[in-house]
Amino acid sequence: MSSAQGGHNHAHDHTRGMAKQTLRLAFFLTMVILAAEVIGGVLANSLALLSDAGHVLTDIFALGLAWFATAQAERPANARRTFGYHRVGILAALMNALTLILITIWILWEAVQRFQRPEPVQPLAMFLAAGVGIAVNLFIGFGLQKEKGNLNVRAAALHVFGDVGASAAVIVAGVVILLTAWNPIDPILSVGIAALIAFGAWRILRETTDILLESVPKDINLSALVRDMMRVQGVRDVHDLHVWCITSGMYALSCHAQIDDLPPSQSSSILTDLENVLLQKYRIGHTAIQFESHAHQGSCCVEDGLYCQMKNRREQMQNHVSAASRPS
């Protein structure tokens, strides 16, 4: 492993350690918010505050899963899971998103019931519970925001900052009820909170799905990447290219590269140059590059031979084996 890659891995380990400590503290502080908002919601008879408490419950679930997933990511790779346990965090983020969608459905259902049968709301209890939620969530949210390279932590931070906005809206609703006695503002606000939750859930769901489908990371331009690889001295062509995300912020690449016909001892510098370009410019720390000295002429690739159709590759190999086994 090169020194650049070693430093990169050390940074990942340090980031995971900081993320785990931040998530642990956030988890227990969020339990305080949940208790305050459930008690306040019951005393105030406020659906908006109980809806926010429902969102806080998903925060606890999100933070707990993120905490668990961050700890799991520290487990080393083994013969069964050669990439380690980094994808546990992505699965946790996916579960968070699905949970948020279920909470949204519940809030909307309860709001419809309140529109049909309006109930009186006590605003003073709303003020106190929402104020506790805002103060603690701001403290948690700014702490989580420092861990920018971790999708799981970002998902949890999105929950938390969403609660800050929702709690502020609860206070506004309490002011309206206190001044005008217009109780329908409570279910109306709960619908707004549901929309906020749904928007956050969709963003998390889309990003986790992209990772699980091994899509190209959004911040990588493949055309530019190939051009930069081709600029490395000794590289003639690149094909059978795959770029994907193992987990948030951890990118991988595999490809075949046609190079000048050189002995292995002289081609090692080309590999080093390619790895440096990919790491420094595209943050790709895990690479598997196969060198070839002859032009690729197979029919398994599309778009000028850049991307490999894996099904076609298997069929080609099967046909090749069948042809070789036929009697002459």
C-alpha atoms as a PDB file:
ATOM      1  CA  MET A   1       0.000   0.000   0.000  1.00  0.00           C
ATOM      2  CA  SER A   2       1.327   3.436  -0.913  1.00  0.00           C
ATOM      3  CA  SER A   3       1.812   6.117   1.743  1.00  0.00           C
ATOM      4  CA  ALA A   4      -1.026   8.164   0.205  1.00  0.00           C
ATOM      5  CA  GLN A   5      -3.419   5.240   0.562  1.00  0.00           C
ATOM      6  CA  GLY A   6      -2.210   4.569   4.105  1.00  0.00           C
ATOM      7  CA  GLY A   7      -2.936   8.179   5.094  1.00  0.00           C
ATOM      8  CA  HIS A   8      -6.324   7.953   3.399  1.00  0.00           C
ATOM      9  CA  ASN A   9      -7.245   4.856   5.420  1.00  0.00           C
ATOM     10  CA  HIS A  10      -5.996   6.479   8.637  1.00  0.00           C
ATOM     11  CA  ALA A  11      -8.280   9.451   7.939  1.00  0.00           C
ATOM     12  CA  HIS A  12     -11.215   7.070   7.412  1.00  0.00           C
ATOM     13  CA  ASP A  13     -10.488   5.325  10.744  1.00  0.00           C
ATOM     14  CA  HIS A  14     -10.265   8.680  12.578  1.00  0.00           C
ATOM     15  CA  THR A  15     -13.496   9.877  10.965  1.00  0.00           C
ATOM     16  CA  ARG A  16     -15.332   6.702  11.943  1.00  0.00           C
ATOM     17  CA  GLY A  17     -14.138   7.050  15.543  1.00  0.00           C
ATOM     18  CA  MET A  18     -15.321  10.642  15.778  1.00  0.00           C
ATOM     19  CA  ALA A  19     -18.626   9.750  14.132  1.00  0.00           C
ATOM     20  CA  LYS A  20     -19.258   6.951  16.627  1.00  0.00           C
ATOM     21  CA  GLN A  21     -18.715   9.242  19.628  1.00  0.00           C
ATOM     22  CA  THR A  22     -20.924  11.960  18.145  1.00  0.00           C
ATOM     23  CA  LEU A  23     -23.700   9.495  17.350  1.00  0.00           C
ATOM     24  CA  ARG A  24     -23.609   7.982  20.836  1.00  0.00           C
ATOM     25  CA  LEU A  25     -24.041  11.390  22.481  1.00  0.00           C
ATOM     26  CA  ALA A  26     -26.752  12.381  19.995  1.00  0.00           C
ATOM     27  CA  PHE A  27     -28.650   9.139  20.653  1.00  0.00           C
ATOM     28  CA  PHE A  28     -29.009   9.759  24.393  1.00  0.00           C
ATOM     29  CA  LEU A  29     -29.771  13.467  24.024  1.00  0.00           C
ATOM     30  CA  THR A  30     -32.524  12.683  21.518  1.00  0.00           C
ATOM     31  CA  MET A  31     -34.180  10.421  24.089  1.00  0.00           C
ATOM     32  CA  VAL A  32     -34.528  13.520  26.280  1.00  0.00           C
ATOM     33  CA  ILE A  33     -36.261  15.344  23.404  1.00  0.00           C
ATOM     34  CA  LEU A  34     -38.641  12.423  22.838  1.00  0.00           C
ATOM     35  CA  ALA A  35     -39.686  12.373  26.495  1.00  0.00           C
ATOM     36  CA  ALA A  36     -40.275  16.149  26.500  1.00  0.00           C
ATOM     37  CA  GLU A  37     -42.344  16.141  23.300  1.00  0.00           C
ATOM     38  CA  VAL A  38     -44.467  13.096  24.164  1.00  0.00           C
ATOM     39  CA  ILE A  39     -45.327  14.535  27.573  1.00  0.00           C
ATOM     40  CA  GLY A  40     -45.902  17.977  26.071  1.00  0.00           C
ATOM     41  CA  GLY A  41     -47.971  16.586  23.201  1.00  0.00           C
ATOM     42  CA  VAL A  42     -50.262  14.673  25.562  1.00  0.00           C
ATOM     43  CA  LEU A  43     -50.674  17.627  27.920  1.00  0.00           C
ATOM     44  CA  ALA A  44     -51.285  20.050  25.051  1.00  0.00           C
ATOM     45  CA  ASN A  45     -53.424  17.597  23.028  1.00  0.00           C
ATOM     46  CA  SER A  46     -51.358  18.719  20.015  1.00  0.00           C
ATOM     47  CA  LEU A  47     -51.112  16.478  16.954  1.00  0.00           C
ATOM     48  CA  ALA A  48     -48.350  18.697  15.581  1.00  0.00           C
ATOM     49  CA  LEU A  49     -46.238  18.157  18.693  1.00  0.00           C
ATOM     50  CA  LEU A  50     -46.995  14.432  18.751  1.00  0.00           C
ATOM     51  CA  SER A  51     -46.093  14.310  15.041  1.00  0.00           C
ATOM     52  CA  ASP A  52     -42.803  15.943  15.856  1.00  0.00           C
ATOM     53  CA  ALA A  53     -42.349  13.395  18.632  1.00  0.00           C
ATOM     54  CA  GLY A  54     -42.943  10.699  16.025  1.00  0.00           C
ATOM     55  CA  HIS A  55     -40.191  12.234  13.937  1.00  0.00           C
ATOM     56  CA  VAL A  56     -37.964  12.283  17.023  1.00  0.00           C
ATOM     57  CA  LEU A  57     -38.666   8.579  17.504  1.00  0.00           C
ATOM     58  CA  THR A  58     -37.338   7.948  14.011  1.00  0.00           C
ATOM     59  CA  ASP A  59     -34.344  10.106  14.958  1.00  0.00           C
ATOM     60  CA  ILE A  60     -33.616   7.740  17.826  1.00  0.00           C
ATOM     61  CA  PHE A  61     -33.969   4.800  15.466  1.00  0.00           C
ATOM     62  CA  ALA A  62     -31.790   6.534  12.876  1.00  0.00           C
ATOM     63  CA  LEU A  63     -29.106   7.515  15.367  1.00  0.00           C
ATOM     64  CA  GLY A  64     -29.102   4.069  16.969  1.00  0.00           C
ATOM     65  CA  LEU A  65     -28.741   2.344  13.610  1.00  0.00           C
ATOM     66  CA  ALA A  66     -26.081   4.811  12.489  1.00  0.00           C
ATOM     67  CA  TRP A  67     -24.180   4.265  15.740  1.00  0.00           C
ATOM     68  CA  PHE A  68     -24.434   0.486  15.285  1.00  0.00           C
ATOM     69  CA  ALA A  69     -23.458   0.696  11.606  1.00  0.00           C
ATOM     70  CA  THR A  70     -20.431   2.893  12.340  1.00  0.00           C
ATOM     71  CA  ALA A  71     -19.230   0.371  14.899  1.00  0.00           C
ATOM     72  CA  GLN A  72     -19.806  -2.479  12.436  1.00  0.00           C
ATOM     73  CA  ALA A  73     -17.768  -0.674   9.769  1.00  0.00           C
ATOM     74  CA  GLU A  74     -14.716  -1.009  12.035  1.00  0.00           C
ATOM     75  CA  ARG A  75     -14.853  -4.784  11.772  1.00  0.00           C
ATOM     76  CA  PRO A  76     -12.125  -6.098   9.464  1.00  0.00           C
ATOM     77  CA  ALA A  77     -12.728  -7.782   6.123  1.00  0.00           C
ATOM     78  CA  ASN A  78     -12.757 -11.574   6.110  1.00  0.00           C
ATOM     79  CA  ALA A  79     -13.091 -14.509   3.745  1.00  0.00           C
ATOM     80  CA  ARG A  80     -16.894 -14.130   3.644  1.00  0.00           C
ATOM     81  CA  ARG A  81     -17.092 -10.324   3.353  1.00  0.00           C
ATOM     82  CA  THR A  82     -13.983  -9.190   1.529  1.00  0.00           C
ATOM     83  CA  PHE A  83     -15.067  -5.519   1.580  1.00  0.00           C
ATOM     84  CA  GLY A  84     -15.738  -5.659   5.320  1.00  0.00           C
ATOM     85  CA  TYR A  85     -18.986  -4.357   6.819  1.00  0.00           C
ATOM     86  CA  HIS A  86     -19.136  -0.876   5.320  1.00  0.00           C
ATOM     87  CA  ARG A  87     -22.451  -1.550   3.566  1.00  0.00           C
ATOM     88  CA  VAL A  88     -24.148  -2.091   6.955  1.00  0.00           C
ATOM     89  CA  GLY A  89     -24.312   1.690   7.201  1.00  0.00           C
ATOM     90  CA  ILE A  90     -26.039   1.944   3.836  1.00  0.00           C
ATOM     91  CA  LEU A  91     -28.605  -0.673   4.825  1.00  0.00           C
ATOM     92  CA  ALA A  92     -29.226   1.267   8.048  1.00  0.00           C
ATOM     93  CA  ALA A  93     -29.744   4.493   6.089  1.00  0.00           C
ATOM     94  CA  LEU A  94     -32.196   2.666   3.808  1.00  0.00           C
ATOM     95  CA  MET A  95     -34.158   1.414   6.813  1.00  0.00           C
ATOM     96  CA  ASN A  96     -34.241   4.965   8.170  1.00  0.00           C
ATOM     97  CA  ALA A  97     -35.758   6.232   4.935  1.00  0.00           C
ATOM     98  CA  LEU A  98     -38.425   3.514   4.868  1.00  0.00           C
ATOM     99  CA  THR A  99     -39.277   4.228   8.514  1.00  0.00           C
ATOM    100  CA  LEU A 100     -39.709   7.927   7.731  1.00  0.00           C
ATOM    101  CA  ILE A 101     -42.164   7.057   4.957  1.00  0.00           C
ATOM    102  CA  LEU A 102     -44.271   4.988   7.394  1.00  0.00           C
ATOM    103  CA  ILE A 103     -44.247   7.848   9.934  1.00  0.00           C
ATOM    104  CA  THR A 104     -45.397  10.235   7.197  1.00  0.00           C
ATOM    105  CA  ILE A 105     -48.383   8.007   6.401  1.00  0.00           C
ATOM    106  CA  TRP A 106     -49.337   7.870  10.101  1.00  0.00           C
ATOM    107  CA  ILE A 107     -49.161  11.655  10.497  1.00  0.00           C
ATOM    108  CA  LEU A 108     -51.331  12.233   7.420  1.00  0.00           C
ATOM    109  CA  TRP A 109     -53.913   9.737   8.675  1.00  0.00           C
ATOM    110  CA  GLU A 110     -54.112  11.409  12.078  1.00  0.00           C
ATOM    111  CA  ALA A 111     -54.348  14.853  10.454  1.00  0.00           C
ATOM    112  CA  VAL A 112     -57.362  13.749   8.409  1.00  0.00           C
ATOM    113  CA  GLN A 113     -59.046  12.578  11.621  1.00  0.00           C
ATOM    114  CA  ARG A 114     -58.372  15.949  13.282  1.00  0.00           C
ATOM    115  CA  PHE A 115     -59.773  17.856  10.294  1.00  0.00           C
ATOM    116  CA  GLN A 116     -62.968  15.824  10.569  1.00  0.00           C
ATOM    117  CA  ARG A 117     -63.173  16.142  14.376  1.00  0.00           C
ATOM    118  CA  PRO A 118     -61.272  19.256  15.581  1.00  0.00           C
ATOM    119  CA  GLU A 119     -59.977  19.096  19.159  1.00  0.00           C
ATOM    120  CA  PRO A 120     -58.870  21.884  21.530  1.00  0.00           C
ATOM    121  CA  VAL A 121     -55.130  22.400  21.963  1.00  0.00           C
ATOM    122  CA  GLN A 122     -53.213  23.870  24.950  1.00  0.00           C
ATOM    123  CA  PRO A 123     -50.457  26.125  23.510  1.00  0.00           C
ATOM    124  CA  LEU A 124     -48.339  26.723  26.636  1.00  0.00           C
ATOM    125  CA  ALA A 125     -47.263  23.077  26.884  1.00  0.00           C
ATOM    126  CA  MET A 126     -46.446  23.237  23.165  1.00  0.00           C
ATOM    127  CA  PHE A 127     -44.054  26.151  23.763  1.00  0.00           C
ATOM    128  CA  LEU A 128     -42.123  24.412  26.512  1.00  0.00           C
ATOM    129  CA  ALA A 129     -41.746  21.021  24.788  1.00  0.00           C
ATOM    130  CA  ALA A 130     -40.878  22.524  21.407  1.00  0.00           C
ATOM    131  CA  GLY A 131     -38.342  24.862  23.022  1.00  0.00           C
ATOM    132  CA  VAL A 132     -36.530  21.904  24.595  1.00  0.00           C
ATOM    133  CA  GLY A 133     -36.546  20.165  21.221  1.00  0.00           C
ATOM    134  CA  ILE A 134     -35.061  23.142  19.385  1.00  0.00           C
ATOM    135  CA  ALA A 135     -32.244  23.709  21.883  1.00  0.00           C
ATOM    136  CA  VAL A 136     -31.118  20.091  22.095  1.00  0.00           C
ATOM    137  CA  ASN A 137     -31.553  19.374  18.377  1.00  0.00           C
ATOM    138  CA  LEU A 138     -29.433  22.378  17.392  1.00  0.00           C
ATOM    139  CA  PHE A 139     -26.655  21.124  19.653  1.00  0.00           C
ATOM    140  CA  ILE A 140     -26.915  17.609  18.157  1.00  0.00           C
ATOM    141  CA  GLY A 141     -27.273  18.803  14.570  1.00  0.00           C
ATOM    142  CA  PHE A 142     -24.169  20.997  14.555  1.00  0.00           C
ATOM    143  CA  GLY A 143     -22.200  18.140  16.092  1.00  0.00           C
ATOM    144  CA  LEU A 144     -23.352  15.707  13.393  1.00  0.00           C
ATOM    145  CA  GLN A 145     -22.747  18.223  10.614  1.00  0.00           C
ATOM    146  CA  LYS A 146     -18.991  17.981  11.208  1.00  0.00           C
ATOM    147  CA  GLU A 147     -19.021  14.361   9.937  1.00  0.00           C
ATOM    148  CA  LYS A 148     -19.550  15.255   6.271  1.00  0.00           C
ATOM    149  CA  GLY A 149     -18.140  12.105   4.669  1.00  0.00           C
ATOM    150  CA  ASN A 150     -20.569   9.622   6.212  1.00  0.00           C
ATOM    151  CA  LEU A 151     -23.970   9.074   4.584  1.00  0.00           C
ATOM    152  CA  ASN A 152     -25.359   7.482   7.723  1.00  0.00           C
ATOM    153  CA  VAL A 153     -24.430  10.504   9.829  1.00  0.00           C
ATOM    154  CA  ARG A 154     -25.775  12.833   7.143  1.00  0.00           C
ATOM    155  CA  ALA A 155     -29.060  10.925   7.203  1.00  0.00           C
ATOM    156  CA  ALA A 156     -29.227  11.274  10.979  1.00  0.00           C
ATOM    157  CA  ALA A 157     -28.355  14.984  10.762  1.00  0.00           C
ATOM    158  CA  LEU A 158     -31.173  15.456   8.254  1.00  0.00           C
ATOM    159  CA  HIS A 159     -33.593  13.958  10.775  1.00  0.00           C
ATOM    160  CA  VAL A 160     -32.313  16.286  13.484  1.00  0.00           C
ATOM    161  CA  PHE A 161     -32.399  19.547  11.517  1.00  0.00           C
ATOM    162  CA  GLY A 162     -35.827  18.604  10.210  1.00  0.00           C
ATOM    163  CA  ASP A 163     -36.957  18.441  13.829  1.00  0.00           C
ATOM    164  CA  VAL A 164     -35.575  21.924  14.506  1.00  0.00           C
ATOM    165  CA  GLY A 165     -37.763  23.340  11.754  1.00  0.00           C
ATOM    166  CA  ALA A 166     -40.742  21.293  12.880  1.00  0.00           C
ATOM    167  CA  SER A 167     -40.339  22.395  16.507  1.00  0.00           C
ATOM    168  CA  ALA A 168     -40.105  26.041  15.436  1.00  0.00           C
ATOM    169  CA  ALA A 169     -43.309  25.600  13.447  1.00  0.00           C
ATOM    170  CA  VAL A 170     -44.973  24.068  16.507  1.00  0.00           C
ATOM    171  CA  ILE A 171     -44.169  27.228  18.470  1.00  0.00           C
ATOM    172  CA  VAL A 172     -45.640  29.373  15.676  1.00  0.00           C
ATOM    173  CA  ALA A 173     -48.789  27.219  15.718  1.00  0.00           C
ATOM    174  CA  GLY A 174     -48.994  27.635  19.490  1.00  0.00           C
ATOM    175  CA  VAL A 175     -48.830  31.414  19.100  1.00  0.00           C
ATOM    176  CA  VAL A 176     -51.641  31.325  16.520  1.00  0.00           C
ATOM    177  CA  ILE A 177     -53.821  29.175  18.790  1.00  0.00           C
ATOM    178  CA  LEU A 178     -53.077  31.391  21.805  1.00  0.00           C
ATOM    179  CA  LEU A 179     -54.000  34.580  19.929  1.00  0.00           C
ATOM    180  CA  THR A 180     -56.881  33.391  17.740  1.00  0.00           C
ATOM    181  CA  ALA A 181     -58.044  30.039  19.217  1.00  0.00           C
ATOM    182  CA  TRP A 182     -57.916  28.646  15.643  1.00  0.00           C
ATOM    183  CA  ASN A 183     -57.217  24.967  16.427  1.00  0.00           C
ATOM    184  CA  PRO A 184     -57.139  23.690  12.791  1.00  0.00           C
ATOM    185  CA  ILE A 185     -53.619  25.144  12.535  1.00  0.00           C
ATOM    186  CA  ASP A 186     -52.460  22.106  14.540  1.00  0.00           C
ATOM    187  CA  PRO A 187     -53.356  19.384  11.958  1.00  0.00           C
ATOM    188  CA  ILE A 188     -52.375  21.744   9.133  1.00  0.00           C
ATOM    189  CA  LEU A 189     -48.902  22.041  10.647  1.00  0.00           C
ATOM    190  CA  SER A 190     -48.701  18.281  11.086  1.00  0.00           C
ATOM    191  CA  VAL A 191     -49.249  17.886   7.319  1.00  0.00           C
ATOM    192  CA  GLY A 192     -46.370  20.313   6.742  1.00  0.00           C
ATOM    193  CA  ILE A 193     -44.158  18.225   9.046  1.00  0.00           C
ATOM    194  CA  ALA A 194     -45.170  15.121   7.102  1.00  0.00           C
ATOM    195  CA  ALA A 195     -44.103  16.783   3.844  1.00  0.00           C
ATOM    196  CA  LEU A 196     -40.745  17.695   5.398  1.00  0.00           C
ATOM    197  CA  ILE A 197     -40.220  14.122   6.539  1.00  0.00           C
ATOM    198  CA  ALA A 198     -41.208  12.720   3.133  1.00  0.00           C
ATOM    199  CA  PHE A 199     -38.753  15.000   1.305  1.00  0.00           C
ATOM    200  CA  GLY A 200     -35.876  13.908   3.538  1.00  0.00           C
ATOM    201  CA  ALA A 201     -36.864  10.265   3.177  1.00  0.00           C
ATOM    202  CA  TRP A 202     -36.859  10.512  -0.611  1.00  0.00           C
ATOM    203  CA  ARG A 203     -33.347  11.998  -0.710  1.00  0.00           C
ATOM    204  CA  ILE A 204     -31.944   9.295   1.550  1.00  0.00           C
ATOM    205  CA  LEU A 205     -33.788   6.555  -0.346  1.00  0.00           C
ATOM    206  CA  ARG A 206     -32.455   7.759  -3.689  1.00  0.00           C
ATOM    207  CA  GLU A 207     -28.853   7.966  -2.531  1.00  0.00           C
ATOM    208  CA  THR A 208     -28.843   4.614  -0.752  1.00  0.00           C
ATOM    209  CA  THR A 209     -30.446   2.960  -3.776  1.00  0.00           C
ATOM    210  CA  ASP A 210     -27.729   4.383  -6.026  1.00  0.00           C
ATOM    211  CA  ILE A 211     -25.059   2.894  -3.766  1.00  0.00           C
ATOM    212  CA  LEU A 212     -26.749  -0.504  -3.558  1.00  0.00           C
ATOM    213  CA  LEU A 213     -27.096  -0.536  -7.358  1.00  0.00           C
ATOM    214  CA  GLU A 214     -23.380   0.337  -7.543  1.00  0.00           C
ATOM    215  CA  SER A 215     -24.058   3.418  -9.641  1.00  0.00           C
ATOM    216  CA  VAL A 216     -21.241   5.802 -10.504  1.00  0.00           C
ATOM    217  CA  PRO A 217     -20.867   8.396  -7.690  1.00  0.00           C
ATOM    218  CA  LYS A 218     -22.533  11.678  -8.627  1.00  0.00           C
ATOM    219  CA  ASP A 219     -19.381  13.727  -8.170  1.00  0.00           C
ATOM    220  CA  ILE A 220     -17.386  11.653 -10.686  1.00  0.00           C
ATOM    221  CA  ASN A 221     -17.429  12.494 -14.400  1.00  0.00           C
ATOM    222  CA  LEU A 222     -16.493   9.260 -16.183  1.00  0.00           C
ATOM    223  CA  SER A 223     -15.496  10.968 -19.419  1.00  0.00           C
ATOM    224  CA  ALA A 224     -13.053  13.223 -17.565  1.00  0.00           C
ATOM    225  CA  LEU A 225     -11.787  10.280 -15.520  1.00  0.00           C
ATOM    226  CA  VAL A 226     -10.988   8.242 -18.646  1.00  0.00           C
ATOM    227  CA  ARG A 227      -9.276  11.232 -20.243  1.00  0.00           C
ATOM    228  CA  ASP A 228      -7.076  11.673 -17.164  1.00  0.00           C
ATOM    229  CA  MET A 229      -6.183   7.980 -17.166  1.00  0.00           C
ATOM    230  CA  MET A 230      -5.282   8.151 -20.859  1.00  0.00           C
ATOM    231  CA  ARG A 231      -2.972  11.099 -20.156  1.00  0.00           C
ATOM    232  CA  VAL A 232      -0.761   8.886 -17.991  1.00  0.00           C
ATOM    233  CA  GLN A 233       2.369   8.107 -19.953  1.00  0.00           C
ATOM    234  CA  GLY A 234       2.313   4.555 -21.323  1.00  0.00           C
ATOM    235  CA  VAL A 235      -1.505   4.118 -21.285  1.00  0.00           C
ATOM    236  CA  ARG A 236      -3.014   3.575 -24.736  1.00  0.00           C
ATOM    237  CA  ASP A 237      -6.599   2.602 -23.980  1.00  0.00           C
ATOM    238  CA  VAL A 238      -9.045   1.918 -21.131  1.00  0.00           C
ATOM    239  CA  HIS A 239     -11.979  -0.487 -21.305  1.00  0.00           C
ATOM    240  CA  ASP A 240     -14.116  -2.822 -19.161  1.00  0.00           C
ATOM    241  CA  LEU A 241     -14.500   0.106 -16.750  1.00  0.00           C
ATOM    242  CA  HIS A 242     -16.469  -0.088 -13.503  1.00  0.00           C
ATOM    243  CA  VAL A 243     -16.676   2.728 -10.945  1.00  0.00           C
ATOM    244  CA  TRP A 244     -18.865   2.362  -7.894  1.00  0.00           C
ATOM    245  CA  CYS A 245     -19.331   3.326  -4.262  1.00  0.00           C
ATOM    246  CA  ILE A 246     -18.694   0.752  -1.531  1.00  0.00           C
ATOM    247  CA  THR A 247     -20.196   3.075   1.056  1.00  0.00           C
ATOM    248  CA  SER A 248     -20.530   6.832   1.402  1.00  0.00           C
ATOM    249  CA  GLY A 249     -17.210   8.462   0.516  1.00  0.00           C
ATOM    250  CA  MET A 250     -15.442   5.153  -0.270  1.00  0.00           C
ATOM    251  CA  TYR A 251     -15.052   4.738  -4.038  1.00  0.00           C
ATOM    252  CA  ALA A 252     -13.730   1.793  -6.033  1.00  0.00           C
ATOM    253  CA  LEU A 253     -12.665   1.230  -9.646  1.00  0.00           C
ATOM    254  CA  SER A 254     -11.794  -1.748 -11.805  1.00  0.00           C
ATOM    255  CA  CYS A 255     -10.765  -1.697 -15.451  1.00  0.00           C
ATOM    256  CA  HIS A 256      -8.528  -3.116 -18.153  1.00  0.00           C
ATOM    257  CA  ALA A 257      -5.835  -0.788 -19.490  1.00  0.00           C
ATOM    258  CA  GLN A 258      -3.862  -1.296 -22.681  1.00  0.00           C
ATOM    259  CA  ILE A 259      -0.291  -0.142 -22.149  1.00  0.00           C
ATOM    260  CA  ASP A 260       2.960  -0.202 -24.068  1.00  0.00           C
ATOM    261  CA  ASP A 261       4.501  -3.647 -24.379  1.00  0.00           C
ATOM    262  CA  LEU A 262       6.777  -3.487 -21.348  1.00  0.00           C
ATOM    263  CA  PRO A 263       8.189  -5.994 -18.857  1.00  0.00           C
ATOM    264  CA  PRO A 264       6.429  -6.021 -15.460  1.00  0.00           C
ATOM    265  CA  SER A 265       9.310  -4.217 -13.745  1.00  0.00           C
ATOM    266  CA  GLN A 266       8.851  -1.206 -16.041  1.00  0.00           C
ATOM    267  CA  SER A 267       5.044  -1.169 -16.005  1.00  0.00           C
ATOM    268  CA  SER A 268       4.827  -0.721 -12.221  1.00  0.00           C
ATOM    269  CA  SER A 269       5.433   3.021 -12.545  1.00  0.00           C
ATOM    270  CA  ILE A 270       2.391   3.291 -14.850  1.00  0.00           C
ATOM    271  CA  LEU A 271       0.233   1.602 -12.208  1.00  0.00           C
ATOM    272  CA  THR A 272       1.530   3.953  -9.523  1.00  0.00           C
ATOM    273  CA  ASP A 273       0.800   6.996 -11.684  1.00  0.00           C
ATOM    274  CA  LEU A 274      -2.741   5.763 -12.410  1.00  0.00           C
ATOM    275  CA  GLU A 275      -3.440   5.110  -8.724  1.00  0.00           C
ATOM    276  CA  ASN A 276      -2.163   8.561  -7.767  1.00  0.00           C
ATOM    277  CA  VAL A 277      -4.380  10.284 -10.345  1.00  0.00           C
ATOM    278  CA  LEU A 278      -7.454   8.325  -9.244  1.00  0.00           C
ATOM    279  CA  LEU A 279      -6.822   8.922  -5.542  1.00  0.00           C
ATOM    280  CA  GLN A 280      -5.860  12.588  -5.639  1.00  0.00           C
ATOM    281  CA  LYS A 281      -8.337  13.819  -8.261  1.00  0.00           C
ATOM    282  CA  TYR A 282     -11.306  11.438  -7.813  1.00  0.00           C
ATOM    283  CA  ARG A 283     -10.868  10.137  -4.249  1.00  0.00           C
ATOM    284  CA  ILE A 284     -10.865   6.537  -5.515  1.00  0.00           C
ATOM    285  CA  GLY A 285      -8.827   4.630  -2.950  1.00  0.00           C
ATOM    286  CA  HIS A 286      -9.533   1.046  -4.035  1.00  0.00           C
ATOM    287  CA  THR A 287      -8.472   0.094  -7.569  1.00  0.00           C
ATOM    288  CA  ALA A 288      -8.072  -3.128  -9.543  1.00  0.00           C
ATOM    289  CA  ILE A 289      -6.388  -2.378 -12.870  1.00  0.00           C
ATOM    290  CA  GLN A 290      -5.482  -5.169 -15.276  1.00  0.00           C
ATOM    291  CA  PHE A 291      -2.785  -4.352 -17.850  1.00  0.00           C
ATOM    292  CA  GLU A 292      -2.928  -5.644 -21.426  1.00  0.00           C
ATOM    293  CA  SER A 293      -0.474  -5.168 -24.256  1.00  0.00           C
ATOM    294  CA  HIS A 294      -2.897  -5.823 -27.134  1.00  0.00           C
ATOM    295  CA  ALA A 295      -5.958  -3.890 -28.260  1.00  0.00           C
ATOM    296  CA  HIS A 296      -9.274  -5.188 -26.927  1.00  0.00           C
ATOM    297  CA  GLN A 297     -11.382  -6.724 -29.711  1.00  0.00           C
ATOM    298  CA  GLY A 298     -14.138  -8.497 -27.791  1.00  0.00           C
ATOM    299  CA  SER A 299     -17.863  -7.896 -28.373  1.00  0.00           C
ATOM    300  CA  CYS A 300     -18.650  -7.880 -24.658  1.00  0.00           C
ATOM    301  CA  CYS A 301     -18.308  -4.113 -24.318  1.00  0.00           C
ATOM    302  CA  VAL A 302     -20.462  -1.187 -25.418  1.00  0.00           C
ATOM    303  CA  GLU A 303     -19.805   2.538 -26.046  1.00  0.00           C
ATOM    304  CA  ASP A 304     -16.486   2.101 -27.824  1.00  0.00           C
ATOM    305  CA  GLY A 305     -15.491  -0.777 -25.585  1.00  0.00           C
ATOM    306  CA  LEU A 306     -15.560   1.249 -22.378  1.00  0.00           C
ATOM    307  CA  TYR A 307     -18.246  -0.586 -20.390  1.00  0.00           C
ATOM    308  CA  CYS A 308     -18.435  -4.364 -20.126  1.00  0.00           C
ATOM    309  CA  GLN A 309     -21.700  -6.240 -20.501  1.00  0.00           C
ATOM    310  CA  MET A 310     -21.098  -8.961 -17.931  1.00  0.00           C
ATOM    311  CA  LYS A 311     -23.817 -11.261 -19.233  1.00  0.00           C
ATOM    312  CA  ASN A 312     -22.321 -11.184 -22.697  1.00  0.00           C
ATOM    313  CA  ARG A 313     -18.880 -11.868 -21.227  1.00  0.00           C
ATOM    314  CA  ARG A 314     -20.155 -15.044 -19.550  1.00  0.00           C
ATOM    315  CA  GLU A 315     -21.874 -16.172 -22.710  1.00  0.00           C
ATOM    316  CA  GLN A 316     -18.674 -15.572 -24.655  1.00  0.00           C
ATOM    317  CA  MET A 317     -16.676 -17.710 -22.264  1.00  0.00           C
ATOM    318  CA  GLN A 318     -19.271 -20.485 -22.417  1.00  0.00           C
ATOM    319  CA  ASN A 319     -19.178 -20.397 -26.213  1.00  0.00           C
ATOM    320  CA  HIS A 320     -15.398 -20.470 -26.139  1.00  0.00           C
ATOM    321  CA  VAL A 321     -15.393 -23.526 -23.863  1.00  0.00           C
ATOM    322  CA  SER A 322     -17.991 -25.267 -26.035  1.00  0.00           C
ATOM    323  CA  ALA A 323     -15.988 -24.585 -29.172  1.00  0.00           C
ATOM    324  CA  ALA A 324     -12.795 -25.879 -27.574  1.00  0.00           C
ATOM    325  CA  SER A 325     -14.496 -29.093 -26.460  1.00  0.00           C
ATOM    326  CA  ARG A 326     -15.877 -29.970 -29.902  1.00  0.00           C
ATOM    327  CA  PRO A 327     -14.030 -32.765 -31.739  1.00  0.00           C
ATOM    328  CA  SER A 328     -11.989 -31.472 -34.688  1.00  0.00           C
END
